[in-house]
Amino acid sequence: MRRVIVDSAIYRDGRRTDGPADLSDALEEARATGDAFLWVGLHEPSGAEFDHVASEFALHPLAVEDALKAHQRPKLEVYDDSLFVVLKPIVYEPASDRVSSGELMVFMGDSFVVTVRHGEGAPLAEVRRRLEADPEVLKHGPTAVLYAVSDAIVDHYLDVAGELQVDLEELEADVFAPSGGNPANTAERIYTAKRQVLEFRRASGPLAGPMARLTAGAVPFVNERSQPFFRDVNDHLLRSNDQVEGLDRLLSDVLSAHLAQMGVRQNDDMRKISAWAAMAAVPTMVAGIYGMNFEHMPELRWVGSYPAVIVVMTGIVVALYRVFKRRGWM
């Protein structure tokens, strides 16, 4: 258990205190005074390891199953003895311009909060340090932990949305550049960007429902006076969702513009090919006629026949070239 427990502490009146190493004794001590709570942080526990924690805190089996599978949508569920919240932090990787998501489960109950982290995206260590530096917030108990964790994750959504916006502006510049770049590579980059936006939407979109419930209040195990704080988180989440929706629409427009440009370039290429083929057809036709093996063929005995034919073919080709050039086909 020491391997998966990242941190465990009792907080009394907003300040960290040393408590028993045994979870059962620590929880009993936190409940004894009524003004303290136990915060246990876990990282990717196995089923056997988490069973011990679940039994100590009387967590609901369905919530425990969800916490172990770690493939959940953001949600909020209320059980008899605890509140279960699923959050999906996201991380932007500058080296690959990729967005990856993790999962963070929060169990809240009578004088305890248990956080279960999957992946590397959840900023729990920083959240804990920030809360410990602000006892006035931490003294509100487990609700303060839920607020601080959700606030940190949603604020990071805005940062990632800004990074994606920069990538999209660069992609737009490449698509509308005069050279047009490599069409195949550009299409691949657009589809990759849409995949990143989709990953973002899977994390931020479903969180709107749980945040709306926390904003409305009357959620068990959540301090009623915390509504203004969750309202602030919800405002940031709505802004983040608006940004990601705008990115998705803009990517669709960029893809349509790219496909339209490819069509225009193909039409230009076909016009040029057709123009050259038309000019090549004139000498081919004349040479074909004079290459036929007929015994009686007019003008064969003219001294100037060959130069005349060459001049005629050249004149026709030049005339066609000027016509195609004037129409923009060349």
C-alpha atoms as a PDB file:
ATOM      1  CA  MET A   1       0.000   0.000   0.000  1.00  0.00           C
ATOM      2  CA  ARG A   2       2.897   2.379   0.606  1.00  0.00           C
ATOM      3  CA  ARG A   3       3.698   2.087  -3.125  1.00  0.00           C
ATOM      4  CA  VAL A   4       0.334   3.359  -4.359  1.00  0.00           C
ATOM      5  CA  ILE A   5      -0.353   5.890  -1.568  1.00  0.00           C
ATOM      6  CA  VAL A   6       1.277   9.049  -2.894  1.00  0.00           C
ATOM      7  CA  ASP A   7       0.356  11.104   0.164  1.00  0.00           C
ATOM      8  CA  SER A   8      -1.872  10.759   3.214  1.00  0.00           C
ATOM      9  CA  ALA A   9      -2.515  13.350   5.890  1.00  0.00           C
ATOM     10  CA  ILE A  10      -5.075  14.635   8.391  1.00  0.00           C
ATOM     11  CA  TYR A  11      -6.057  18.290   8.023  1.00  0.00           C
ATOM     12  CA  ARG A  12      -7.428  20.070  11.061  1.00  0.00           C
ATOM     13  CA  ASP A  13      -8.656  23.664  10.853  1.00  0.00           C
ATOM     14  CA  GLY A  14      -6.983  23.972   7.442  1.00  0.00           C
ATOM     15  CA  ARG A  15      -3.563  22.810   8.584  1.00  0.00           C
ATOM     16  CA  ARG A  16      -1.749  19.543   8.006  1.00  0.00           C
ATOM     17  CA  THR A  17      -1.106  17.378  11.041  1.00  0.00           C
ATOM     18  CA  ASP A  18       0.640  14.070  11.526  1.00  0.00           C
ATOM     19  CA  GLY A  19      -1.669  11.130  12.000  1.00  0.00           C
ATOM     20  CA  PRO A  20      -1.541   7.359  12.370  1.00  0.00           C
ATOM     21  CA  ALA A  21      -0.100   5.409   9.451  1.00  0.00           C
ATOM     22  CA  ASP A  22      -3.032   3.009   9.514  1.00  0.00           C
ATOM     23  CA  LEU A  23      -5.917   4.344   7.428  1.00  0.00           C
ATOM     24  CA  SER A  24      -8.574   3.086   9.813  1.00  0.00           C
ATOM     25  CA  ASP A  25      -6.947   4.756  12.813  1.00  0.00           C
ATOM     26  CA  ALA A  26      -6.363   7.965  10.837  1.00  0.00           C
ATOM     27  CA  LEU A  27      -9.995   8.143   9.743  1.00  0.00           C
ATOM     28  CA  GLU A  28     -11.182   7.481  13.294  1.00  0.00           C
ATOM     29  CA  GLU A  29      -8.959  10.272  14.595  1.00  0.00           C
ATOM     30  CA  ALA A  30     -10.235  12.695  11.928  1.00  0.00           C
ATOM     31  CA  ARG A  31     -13.840  11.926  12.827  1.00  0.00           C
ATOM     32  CA  ALA A  32     -13.240  12.141  16.549  1.00  0.00           C
ATOM     33  CA  THR A  33     -12.964  15.932  16.671  1.00  0.00           C
ATOM     34  CA  GLY A  34     -15.396  16.778  13.879  1.00  0.00           C
ATOM     35  CA  ASP A  35     -13.263  19.621  12.499  1.00  0.00           C
ATOM     36  CA  ALA A  36     -10.750  17.492  10.590  1.00  0.00           C
ATOM     37  CA  PHE A  37     -10.640  15.273   7.539  1.00  0.00           C
ATOM     38  CA  LEU A  38      -8.320  12.688   6.029  1.00  0.00           C
ATOM     39  CA  TRP A  39      -6.994  13.114   2.492  1.00  0.00           C
ATOM     40  CA  VAL A  40      -5.499  10.030   0.854  1.00  0.00           C
ATOM     41  CA  GLY A  41      -3.972  10.207  -2.623  1.00  0.00           C
ATOM     42  CA  LEU A  42      -3.512   7.031  -4.670  1.00  0.00           C
ATOM     43  CA  HIS A  43      -1.798   6.444  -8.006  1.00  0.00           C
ATOM     44  CA  GLU A  44      -2.974   3.603 -10.262  1.00  0.00           C
ATOM     45  CA  PRO A  45      -3.794   1.080  -7.517  1.00  0.00           C
ATOM     46  CA  SER A  46      -4.410  -2.560  -8.362  1.00  0.00           C
ATOM     47  CA  GLY A  47      -7.640  -4.286  -7.431  1.00  0.00           C
ATOM     48  CA  ALA A  48      -6.173  -5.906  -4.321  1.00  0.00           C
ATOM     49  CA  GLU A  49      -4.549  -2.670  -3.182  1.00  0.00           C
ATOM     50  CA  PHE A  50      -7.694  -0.617  -3.654  1.00  0.00           C
ATOM     51  CA  ASP A  51      -9.912  -3.208  -1.941  1.00  0.00           C
ATOM     52  CA  HIS A  52      -8.210  -2.336   1.337  1.00  0.00           C
ATOM     53  CA  VAL A  53      -8.936   1.367   0.896  1.00  0.00           C
ATOM     54  CA  ALA A  54     -12.509   0.662  -0.217  1.00  0.00           C
ATOM     55  CA  SER A  55     -13.211  -1.428   2.853  1.00  0.00           C
ATOM     56  CA  GLU A  56     -11.725   1.168   5.222  1.00  0.00           C
ATOM     57  CA  PHE A  57     -13.828   4.000   3.769  1.00  0.00           C
ATOM     58  CA  ALA A  58     -16.921   1.901   2.924  1.00  0.00           C
ATOM     59  CA  LEU A  59     -16.854   2.934  -0.721  1.00  0.00           C
ATOM     60  CA  HIS A  60     -19.621   1.696  -3.008  1.00  0.00           C
ATOM     61  CA  PRO A  61     -18.617  -1.355  -5.121  1.00  0.00           C
ATOM     62  CA  LEU A  62     -19.821   0.247  -8.371  1.00  0.00           C
ATOM     63  CA  ALA A  63     -17.726   3.351  -7.747  1.00  0.00           C
ATOM     64  CA  VAL A  64     -14.735   1.174  -6.854  1.00  0.00           C
ATOM     65  CA  GLU A  65     -15.147  -0.733 -10.121  1.00  0.00           C
ATOM     66  CA  ASP A  66     -15.224   2.523 -12.091  1.00  0.00           C
ATOM     67  CA  ALA A  67     -12.128   3.791 -10.287  1.00  0.00           C
ATOM     68  CA  LEU A  68     -10.175   0.664 -11.174  1.00  0.00           C
ATOM     69  CA  LYS A  69     -11.211   0.439 -14.841  1.00  0.00           C
ATOM     70  CA  ALA A  70     -10.184   4.055 -15.481  1.00  0.00           C
ATOM     71  CA  HIS A  71     -12.087   4.403 -18.751  1.00  0.00           C
ATOM     72  CA  GLN A  72     -14.931   6.613 -17.571  1.00  0.00           C
ATOM     73  CA  ARG A  73     -16.593   9.768 -18.776  1.00  0.00           C
ATOM     74  CA  PRO A  74     -16.549  12.751 -16.408  1.00  0.00           C
ATOM     75  CA  LYS A  75     -19.498  12.296 -14.065  1.00  0.00           C
ATOM     76  CA  LEU A  76     -20.858  12.834 -10.563  1.00  0.00           C
ATOM     77  CA  GLU A  77     -22.634  10.071  -8.660  1.00  0.00           C
ATOM     78  CA  VAL A  78     -24.097  10.110  -5.157  1.00  0.00           C
ATOM     79  CA  TYR A  79     -24.103   6.984  -3.016  1.00  0.00           C
ATOM     80  CA  ASP A  80     -25.307   6.415   0.525  1.00  0.00           C
ATOM     81  CA  ASP A  81     -21.955   6.963   2.212  1.00  0.00           C
ATOM     82  CA  SER A  82     -19.947   8.886  -0.348  1.00  0.00           C
ATOM     83  CA  LEU A  83     -19.834  11.147  -3.374  1.00  0.00           C
ATOM     84  CA  PHE A  84     -17.990   9.938  -6.488  1.00  0.00           C
ATOM     85  CA  VAL A  85     -16.637  12.381  -9.097  1.00  0.00           C
ATOM     86  CA  VAL A  86     -14.705  11.515 -12.255  1.00  0.00           C
ATOM     87  CA  LEU A  87     -12.522  14.162 -13.903  1.00  0.00           C
ATOM     88  CA  LYS A  88     -10.341  13.889 -17.004  1.00  0.00           C
ATOM     89  CA  PRO A  89      -7.219  16.081 -16.940  1.00  0.00           C
ATOM     90  CA  ILE A  90      -5.524  16.636 -20.279  1.00  0.00           C
ATOM     91  CA  VAL A  91      -1.887  17.275 -21.180  1.00  0.00           C
ATOM     92  CA  TYR A  92      -0.468  19.005 -24.252  1.00  0.00           C
ATOM     93  CA  GLU A  93       2.837  17.560 -25.483  1.00  0.00           C
ATOM     94  CA  PRO A  94       4.736  20.321 -27.352  1.00  0.00           C
ATOM     95  CA  ALA A  95       7.253  17.924 -28.906  1.00  0.00           C
ATOM     96  CA  SER A  96       4.553  16.025 -30.797  1.00  0.00           C
ATOM     97  CA  ASP A  97       1.703  18.575 -30.708  1.00  0.00           C
ATOM     98  CA  ARG A  98      -0.482  15.864 -29.184  1.00  0.00           C
ATOM     99  CA  VAL A  99      -3.172  15.960 -26.508  1.00  0.00           C
ATOM    100  CA  SER A 100      -3.385  13.076 -24.058  1.00  0.00           C
ATOM    101  CA  SER A 101      -5.811  12.571 -21.202  1.00  0.00           C
ATOM    102  CA  GLY A 102      -5.657  10.888 -17.835  1.00  0.00           C
ATOM    103  CA  GLU A 103      -8.304  10.217 -15.217  1.00  0.00           C
ATOM    104  CA  LEU A 104      -8.838  11.430 -11.699  1.00  0.00           C
ATOM    105  CA  MET A 105     -11.451   9.962  -9.371  1.00  0.00           C
ATOM    106  CA  VAL A 106     -12.503  11.770  -6.196  1.00  0.00           C
ATOM    107  CA  PHE A 107     -14.344   9.999  -3.356  1.00  0.00           C
ATOM    108  CA  MET A 108     -15.823  12.265  -0.684  1.00  0.00           C
ATOM    109  CA  GLY A 109     -17.534  11.210   2.497  1.00  0.00           C
ATOM    110  CA  ASP A 110     -17.778  11.830   6.196  1.00  0.00           C
ATOM    111  CA  SER A 111     -14.433  13.451   7.112  1.00  0.00           C
ATOM    112  CA  PHE A 112     -12.452  11.939   4.251  1.00  0.00           C
ATOM    113  CA  VAL A 113     -11.504  12.462   0.633  1.00  0.00           C
ATOM    114  CA  VAL A 114      -9.753   9.857  -1.510  1.00  0.00           C
ATOM    115  CA  THR A 115      -8.223  10.783  -4.863  1.00  0.00           C
ATOM    116  CA  VAL A 116      -7.273   8.079  -7.377  1.00  0.00           C
ATOM    117  CA  ARG A 117      -5.055   9.162 -10.251  1.00  0.00           C
ATOM    118  CA  HIS A 118      -4.505   7.326 -13.540  1.00  0.00           C
ATOM    119  CA  GLY A 119      -1.938   8.722 -15.964  1.00  0.00           C
ATOM    120  CA  GLU A 120       0.344  11.706 -15.485  1.00  0.00           C
ATOM    121  CA  GLY A 121      -2.025  14.559 -16.258  1.00  0.00           C
ATOM    122  CA  ALA A 122      -3.536  15.254 -12.831  1.00  0.00           C
ATOM    123  CA  PRO A 123      -1.753  18.092 -10.993  1.00  0.00           C
ATOM    124  CA  LEU A 124      -2.526  16.731  -7.518  1.00  0.00           C
ATOM    125  CA  ALA A 125       0.866  17.405  -5.935  1.00  0.00           C
ATOM    126  CA  GLU A 126       0.699  21.065  -6.924  1.00  0.00           C
ATOM    127  CA  VAL A 127      -2.943  21.309  -5.798  1.00  0.00           C
ATOM    128  CA  ARG A 128      -2.087  19.846  -2.399  1.00  0.00           C
ATOM    129  CA  ARG A 129       0.825  22.273  -1.949  1.00  0.00           C
ATOM    130  CA  ARG A 130      -1.340  25.222  -2.949  1.00  0.00           C
ATOM    131  CA  LEU A 131      -4.103  24.203  -0.562  1.00  0.00           C
ATOM    132  CA  GLU A 132      -1.704  23.636   2.320  1.00  0.00           C
ATOM    133  CA  ALA A 133      -0.414  27.168   1.738  1.00  0.00           C
ATOM    134  CA  ASP A 134      -3.973  28.540   2.043  1.00  0.00           C
ATOM    135  CA  PRO A 135      -5.542  27.271   5.303  1.00  0.00           C
ATOM    136  CA  GLU A 136      -8.570  29.554   4.904  1.00  0.00           C
ATOM    137  CA  VAL A 137      -9.663  27.509   1.892  1.00  0.00           C
ATOM    138  CA  LEU A 138      -8.558  24.140   3.222  1.00  0.00           C
ATOM    139  CA  LYS A 139     -10.523  24.558   6.445  1.00  0.00           C
ATOM    140  CA  HIS A 140     -13.731  24.011   4.425  1.00  0.00           C
ATOM    141  CA  GLY A 141     -12.906  20.316   4.396  1.00  0.00           C
ATOM    142  CA  PRO A 142     -13.200  17.798   1.536  1.00  0.00           C
ATOM    143  CA  THR A 143     -15.232  20.294  -0.510  1.00  0.00           C
ATOM    144  CA  ALA A 144     -12.135  22.500  -0.723  1.00  0.00           C
ATOM    145  CA  VAL A 145     -10.175  19.575  -2.197  1.00  0.00           C
ATOM    146  CA  LEU A 146     -12.846  18.871  -4.817  1.00  0.00           C
ATOM    147  CA  TYR A 147     -13.002  22.553  -5.740  1.00  0.00           C
ATOM    148  CA  ALA A 148      -9.217  22.978  -5.959  1.00  0.00           C
ATOM    149  CA  VAL A 149      -8.751  19.821  -8.040  1.00  0.00           C
ATOM    150  CA  SER A 150     -11.537  20.663 -10.493  1.00  0.00           C
ATOM    151  CA  ASP A 151     -10.401  24.294 -10.707  1.00  0.00           C
ATOM    152  CA  ALA A 152      -6.816  23.258 -11.556  1.00  0.00           C
ATOM    153  CA  ILE A 153      -7.973  20.790 -14.213  1.00  0.00           C
ATOM    154  CA  VAL A 154     -10.403  23.209 -15.869  1.00  0.00           C
ATOM    155  CA  ASP A 155      -7.877  26.056 -15.834  1.00  0.00           C
ATOM    156  CA  HIS A 156      -5.430  23.741 -17.597  1.00  0.00           C
ATOM    157  CA  TYR A 157      -8.122  23.129 -20.228  1.00  0.00           C
ATOM    158  CA  LEU A 158      -7.860  26.817 -21.131  1.00  0.00           C
ATOM    159  CA  ASP A 159      -4.070  26.552 -21.416  1.00  0.00           C
ATOM    160  CA  VAL A 160      -4.318  23.534 -23.716  1.00  0.00           C
ATOM    161  CA  ALA A 161      -6.981  25.285 -25.812  1.00  0.00           C
ATOM    162  CA  GLY A 162      -4.542  28.170 -26.267  1.00  0.00           C
ATOM    163  CA  GLU A 163      -1.801  25.791 -27.431  1.00  0.00           C
ATOM    164  CA  LEU A 164      -4.180  24.168 -29.913  1.00  0.00           C
ATOM    165  CA  GLN A 165      -5.191  27.609 -31.184  1.00  0.00           C
ATOM    166  CA  VAL A 166      -1.534  28.382 -31.963  1.00  0.00           C
ATOM    167  CA  ASP A 167      -1.164  25.065 -33.814  1.00  0.00           C
ATOM    168  CA  LEU A 168      -4.302  25.761 -35.806  1.00  0.00           C
ATOM    169  CA  GLU A 169      -3.078  29.234 -36.833  1.00  0.00           C
ATOM    170  CA  GLU A 170       0.157  27.671 -38.111  1.00  0.00           C
ATOM    171  CA  LEU A 171      -1.840  25.053 -39.992  1.00  0.00           C
ATOM    172  CA  GLU A 172      -4.031  27.764 -41.543  1.00  0.00           C
ATOM    173  CA  ALA A 173      -0.950  29.658 -42.693  1.00  0.00           C
ATOM    174  CA  ASP A 174       0.401  26.521 -44.384  1.00  0.00           C
ATOM    175  CA  VAL A 175      -2.906  25.704 -46.074  1.00  0.00           C
ATOM    176  CA  PHE A 176      -3.313  29.182 -47.544  1.00  0.00           C
ATOM    177  CA  ALA A 177       0.347  29.664 -48.429  1.00  0.00           C
ATOM    178  CA  PRO A 178       0.947  30.320 -52.170  1.00  0.00           C
ATOM    179  CA  SER A 179       2.963  27.110 -52.528  1.00  0.00           C
ATOM    180  CA  GLY A 180       0.276  25.070 -50.780  1.00  0.00           C
ATOM    181  CA  GLY A 181       2.874  22.733 -49.259  1.00  0.00           C
ATOM    182  CA  ASN A 182       2.578  18.985 -49.496  1.00  0.00           C
ATOM    183  CA  PRO A 183      -1.169  18.240 -49.941  1.00  0.00           C
ATOM    184  CA  ALA A 184      -0.947  14.748 -48.454  1.00  0.00           C
ATOM    185  CA  ASN A 185       1.005  15.965 -45.421  1.00  0.00           C
ATOM    186  CA  THR A 186      -1.371  18.904 -44.922  1.00  0.00           C
ATOM    187  CA  ALA A 187      -4.438  16.654 -44.947  1.00  0.00           C
ATOM    188  CA  GLU A 188      -2.777  14.347 -42.432  1.00  0.00           C
ATOM    189  CA  ARG A 189      -1.986  17.279 -40.150  1.00  0.00           C
ATOM    190  CA  ILE A 190      -5.592  18.505 -40.311  1.00  0.00           C
ATOM    191  CA  TYR A 191      -6.989  15.093 -39.423  1.00  0.00           C
ATOM    192  CA  THR A 192      -4.441  14.745 -36.614  1.00  0.00           C
ATOM    193  CA  ALA A 193      -5.501  18.121 -35.247  1.00  0.00           C
ATOM    194  CA  LYS A 194      -9.146  17.058 -35.345  1.00  0.00           C
ATOM    195  CA  ARG A 195      -8.232  13.951 -33.342  1.00  0.00           C
ATOM    196  CA  GLN A 196      -6.597  16.162 -30.708  1.00  0.00           C
ATOM    197  CA  VAL A 197      -9.681  18.354 -30.517  1.00  0.00           C
ATOM    198  CA  LEU A 198     -11.874  15.260 -30.205  1.00  0.00           C
ATOM    199  CA  GLU A 199      -9.726  14.035 -27.306  1.00  0.00           C
ATOM    200  CA  PHE A 200     -10.160  17.447 -25.703  1.00  0.00           C
ATOM    201  CA  ARG A 201     -13.949  17.369 -26.155  1.00  0.00           C
ATOM    202  CA  ARG A 202     -14.194  13.919 -24.574  1.00  0.00           C
ATOM    203  CA  ALA A 203     -12.589  15.338 -21.455  1.00  0.00           C
ATOM    204  CA  SER A 204     -14.270  18.739 -21.172  1.00  0.00           C
ATOM    205  CA  GLY A 205     -17.702  18.255 -22.751  1.00  0.00           C
ATOM    206  CA  PRO A 206     -19.243  15.687 -20.356  1.00  0.00           C
ATOM    207  CA  LEU A 207     -17.954  17.640 -17.348  1.00  0.00           C
ATOM    208  CA  ALA A 208     -20.584  20.337 -17.930  1.00  0.00           C
ATOM    209  CA  GLY A 209     -23.318  18.212 -16.301  1.00  0.00           C
ATOM    210  CA  PRO A 210     -21.484  17.528 -13.010  1.00  0.00           C
ATOM    211  CA  MET A 211     -20.348  21.149 -12.758  1.00  0.00           C
ATOM    212  CA  ALA A 212     -23.895  22.356 -13.289  1.00  0.00           C
ATOM    213  CA  ARG A 213     -25.047  20.147 -10.391  1.00  0.00           C
ATOM    214  CA  LEU A 214     -22.295  21.414  -8.107  1.00  0.00           C
ATOM    215  CA  THR A 215     -23.142  24.984  -9.091  1.00  0.00           C
ATOM    216  CA  ALA A 216     -26.825  24.460  -8.324  1.00  0.00           C
ATOM    217  CA  GLY A 217     -26.002  23.135  -4.841  1.00  0.00           C
ATOM    218  CA  ALA A 218     -27.889  20.573  -2.738  1.00  0.00           C
ATOM    219  CA  VAL A 219     -25.275  17.884  -3.475  1.00  0.00           C
ATOM    220  CA  PRO A 220     -24.588  15.575  -0.489  1.00  0.00           C
ATOM    221  CA  PHE A 221     -21.158  15.865   1.171  1.00  0.00           C
ATOM    222  CA  VAL A 222     -20.562  19.228  -0.552  1.00  0.00           C
ATOM    223  CA  ASN A 223     -20.548  22.429   1.513  1.00  0.00           C
ATOM    224  CA  GLU A 224     -23.541  24.559   0.502  1.00  0.00           C
ATOM    225  CA  ARG A 225     -21.476  27.749   0.735  1.00  0.00           C
ATOM    226  CA  SER A 226     -19.158  26.499  -2.000  1.00  0.00           C
ATOM    227  CA  GLN A 227     -21.588  27.333  -4.836  1.00  0.00           C
ATOM    228  CA  PRO A 228     -19.835  30.599  -5.858  1.00  0.00           C
ATOM    229  CA  PHE A 229     -16.527  28.755  -6.169  1.00  0.00           C
ATOM    230  CA  PHE A 230     -17.957  25.996  -8.340  1.00  0.00           C
ATOM    231  CA  ARG A 231     -19.784  28.658 -10.339  1.00  0.00           C
ATOM    232  CA  ASP A 232     -16.391  30.170 -11.171  1.00  0.00           C
ATOM    233  CA  VAL A 233     -15.082  26.754 -12.259  1.00  0.00           C
ATOM    234  CA  ASN A 234     -18.192  26.240 -14.370  1.00  0.00           C
ATOM    235  CA  ASP A 235     -17.680  29.618 -16.087  1.00  0.00           C
ATOM    236  CA  HIS A 236     -14.136  28.605 -17.028  1.00  0.00           C
ATOM    237  CA  LEU A 237     -15.404  25.247 -18.252  1.00  0.00           C
ATOM    238  CA  LEU A 238     -18.033  26.887 -20.472  1.00  0.00           C
ATOM    239  CA  ARG A 239     -15.368  29.161 -21.918  1.00  0.00           C
ATOM    240  CA  SER A 240     -13.141  26.173 -22.551  1.00  0.00           C
ATOM    241  CA  ASN A 241     -15.960  24.253 -24.249  1.00  0.00           C
ATOM    242  CA  ASP A 242     -16.746  27.281 -26.434  1.00  0.00           C
ATOM    243  CA  GLN A 243     -13.098  27.457 -27.467  1.00  0.00           C
ATOM    244  CA  VAL A 244     -12.875  23.786 -28.364  1.00  0.00           C
ATOM    245  CA  GLU A 245     -16.134  23.987 -30.328  1.00  0.00           C
ATOM    246  CA  GLY A 246     -14.732  26.935 -32.245  1.00  0.00           C
ATOM    247  CA  LEU A 247     -11.510  25.019 -32.929  1.00  0.00           C
ATOM    248  CA  ASP A 248     -13.473  22.049 -34.246  1.00  0.00           C
ATOM    249  CA  ARG A 249     -15.574  24.206 -36.579  1.00  0.00           C
ATOM    250  CA  LEU A 250     -12.513  26.085 -37.792  1.00  0.00           C
ATOM    251  CA  LEU A 251     -10.686  22.825 -38.494  1.00  0.00           C
ATOM    252  CA  SER A 252     -13.645  21.623 -40.547  1.00  0.00           C
ATOM    253  CA  ASP A 253     -13.535  24.888 -42.521  1.00  0.00           C
ATOM    254  CA  VAL A 254      -9.773  24.553 -43.034  1.00  0.00           C
ATOM    255  CA  LEU A 255     -10.230  20.997 -44.267  1.00  0.00           C
ATOM    256  CA  SER A 256     -12.946  22.110 -46.696  1.00  0.00           C
ATOM    257  CA  ALA A 257     -10.728  24.955 -47.939  1.00  0.00           C
ATOM    258  CA  HIS A 258      -7.816  22.552 -48.381  1.00  0.00           C
ATOM    259  CA  LEU A 259      -9.927  20.099 -50.381  1.00  0.00           C
ATOM    260  CA  ALA A 260     -11.291  22.962 -52.493  1.00  0.00           C
ATOM    261  CA  GLN A 261      -7.746  24.181 -53.175  1.00  0.00           C
ATOM    262  CA  MET A 262      -6.720  20.689 -54.205  1.00  0.00           C
ATOM    263  CA  GLY A 263      -9.670  20.592 -56.619  1.00  0.00           C
ATOM    264  CA  VAL A 264      -8.708  23.967 -58.090  1.00  0.00           C
ATOM    265  CA  ARG A 265      -5.091  22.856 -58.531  1.00  0.00           C
ATOM    266  CA  GLN A 266      -6.215  19.644 -60.211  1.00  0.00           C
ATOM    267  CA  ASN A 267      -8.432  21.637 -62.575  1.00  0.00           C
ATOM    268  CA  ASP A 268      -5.500  23.908 -63.400  1.00  0.00           C
ATOM    269  CA  ASP A 269      -3.322  20.898 -64.076  1.00  0.00           C
ATOM    270  CA  MET A 270      -5.982  19.314 -66.297  1.00  0.00           C
ATOM    271  CA  ARG A 271      -6.364  22.550 -68.283  1.00  0.00           C
ATOM    272  CA  LYS A 272      -2.620  22.741 -68.833  1.00  0.00           C
ATOM    273  CA  ILE A 273      -2.453  19.094 -69.865  1.00  0.00           C
ATOM    274  CA  SER A 274      -5.402  19.565 -72.221  1.00  0.00           C
ATOM    275  CA  ALA A 275      -3.823  22.674 -73.768  1.00  0.00           C
ATOM    276  CA  TRP A 276      -0.504  20.930 -74.396  1.00  0.00           C
ATOM    277  CA  ALA A 277      -2.313  17.895 -75.776  1.00  0.00           C
ATOM    278  CA  ALA A 278      -4.318  20.118 -78.174  1.00  0.00           C
ATOM    279  CA  MET A 279      -1.154  21.797 -79.421  1.00  0.00           C
ATOM    280  CA  ALA A 280       0.592  18.439 -79.860  1.00  0.00           C
ATOM    281  CA  ALA A 281      -2.417  17.070 -81.749  1.00  0.00           C
ATOM    282  CA  VAL A 282      -2.005  19.519 -84.683  1.00  0.00           C
ATOM    283  CA  PRO A 283       1.455  18.375 -85.870  1.00  0.00           C
ATOM    284  CA  THR A 284       0.510  14.796 -85.066  1.00  0.00           C
ATOM    285  CA  MET A 285      -2.549  15.054 -87.305  1.00  0.00           C
ATOM    286  CA  VAL A 286      -0.671  16.648 -90.210  1.00  0.00           C
ATOM    287  CA  ALA A 287       2.238  14.256 -89.913  1.00  0.00           C
ATOM    288  CA  GLY A 288      -0.208  11.381 -89.768  1.00  0.00           C
ATOM    289  CA  ILE A 289      -1.921  12.449 -92.968  1.00  0.00           C
ATOM    290  CA  TYR A 290       1.334  12.843 -94.867  1.00  0.00           C
ATOM    291  CA  GLY A 291       2.632   9.614 -93.464  1.00  0.00           C
ATOM    292  CA  MET A 292      -0.123   7.568 -95.089  1.00  0.00           C
ATOM    293  CA  ASN A 293       1.019   5.385 -98.005  1.00  0.00           C
ATOM    294  CA  PHE A 294      -1.201   6.633-100.866  1.00  0.00           C
ATOM    295  CA  GLU A 295       0.031   6.595-104.464  1.00  0.00           C
ATOM    296  CA  HIS A 296      -1.994   9.606-105.568  1.00  0.00           C
ATOM    297  CA  MET A 297      -1.652  12.308-102.959  1.00  0.00           C
ATOM    298  CA  PRO A 298      -1.935  16.014-103.816  1.00  0.00           C
ATOM    299  CA  GLU A 299       0.916  18.414-103.419  1.00  0.00           C
ATOM    300  CA  LEU A 300       3.576  15.728-102.987  1.00  0.00           C
ATOM    301  CA  ARG A 301       5.658  17.056-105.853  1.00  0.00           C
ATOM    302  CA  TRP A 302       5.678  20.687-104.704  1.00  0.00           C
ATOM    303  CA  VAL A 303       9.182  21.870-103.928  1.00  0.00           C
ATOM    304  CA  GLY A 304       8.047  23.985-100.980  1.00  0.00           C
ATOM    305  CA  SER A 305       5.650  21.413 -99.510  1.00  0.00           C
ATOM    306  CA  TYR A 306       7.774  20.459 -96.505  1.00  0.00           C
ATOM    307  CA  PRO A 307       8.607  23.995 -95.341  1.00  0.00           C
ATOM    308  CA  ALA A 308       4.982  25.023 -95.974  1.00  0.00           C
ATOM    309  CA  VAL A 309       3.673  22.190 -93.810  1.00  0.00           C
ATOM    310  CA  ILE A 310       6.142  23.060 -91.039  1.00  0.00           C
ATOM    311  CA  VAL A 311       5.124  26.728 -91.168  1.00  0.00           C
ATOM    312  CA  VAL A 312       1.411  25.843 -91.086  1.00  0.00           C
ATOM    313  CA  MET A 313       1.842  23.480 -88.120  1.00  0.00           C
ATOM    314  CA  THR A 314       3.941  26.046 -86.237  1.00  0.00           C
ATOM    315  CA  GLY A 315       1.422  28.798 -86.935  1.00  0.00           C
ATOM    316  CA  ILE A 316      -1.495  26.723 -85.693  1.00  0.00           C
ATOM    317  CA  VAL A 317       0.381  25.690 -82.522  1.00  0.00           C
ATOM    318  CA  VAL A 318       1.393  29.311 -81.804  1.00  0.00           C
ATOM    319  CA  ALA A 319      -2.192  30.462 -82.356  1.00  0.00           C
ATOM    320  CA  LEU A 320      -3.495  27.790 -79.980  1.00  0.00           C
ATOM    321  CA  TYR A 321      -0.860  28.735 -77.390  1.00  0.00           C
ATOM    322  CA  ARG A 322      -1.945  32.378 -77.487  1.00  0.00           C
ATOM    323  CA  VAL A 323      -5.616  31.437 -77.158  1.00  0.00           C
ATOM    324  CA  PHE A 324      -4.948  29.143 -74.178  1.00  0.00           C
ATOM    325  CA  LYS A 325      -2.642  31.699 -72.581  1.00  0.00           C
ATOM    326  CA  ARG A 326      -5.278  34.424 -72.881  1.00  0.00           C
ATOM    327  CA  ARG A 327      -7.850  32.141 -71.220  1.00  0.00           C
ATOM    328  CA  GLY A 328      -5.491  31.266 -68.386  1.00  0.00           C
ATOM    329  CA  TRP A 329      -5.024  27.636 -69.327  1.00  0.00           C
ATOM    330  CA  MET A 330      -1.264  27.950 -69.685  1.00  0.00           C
END
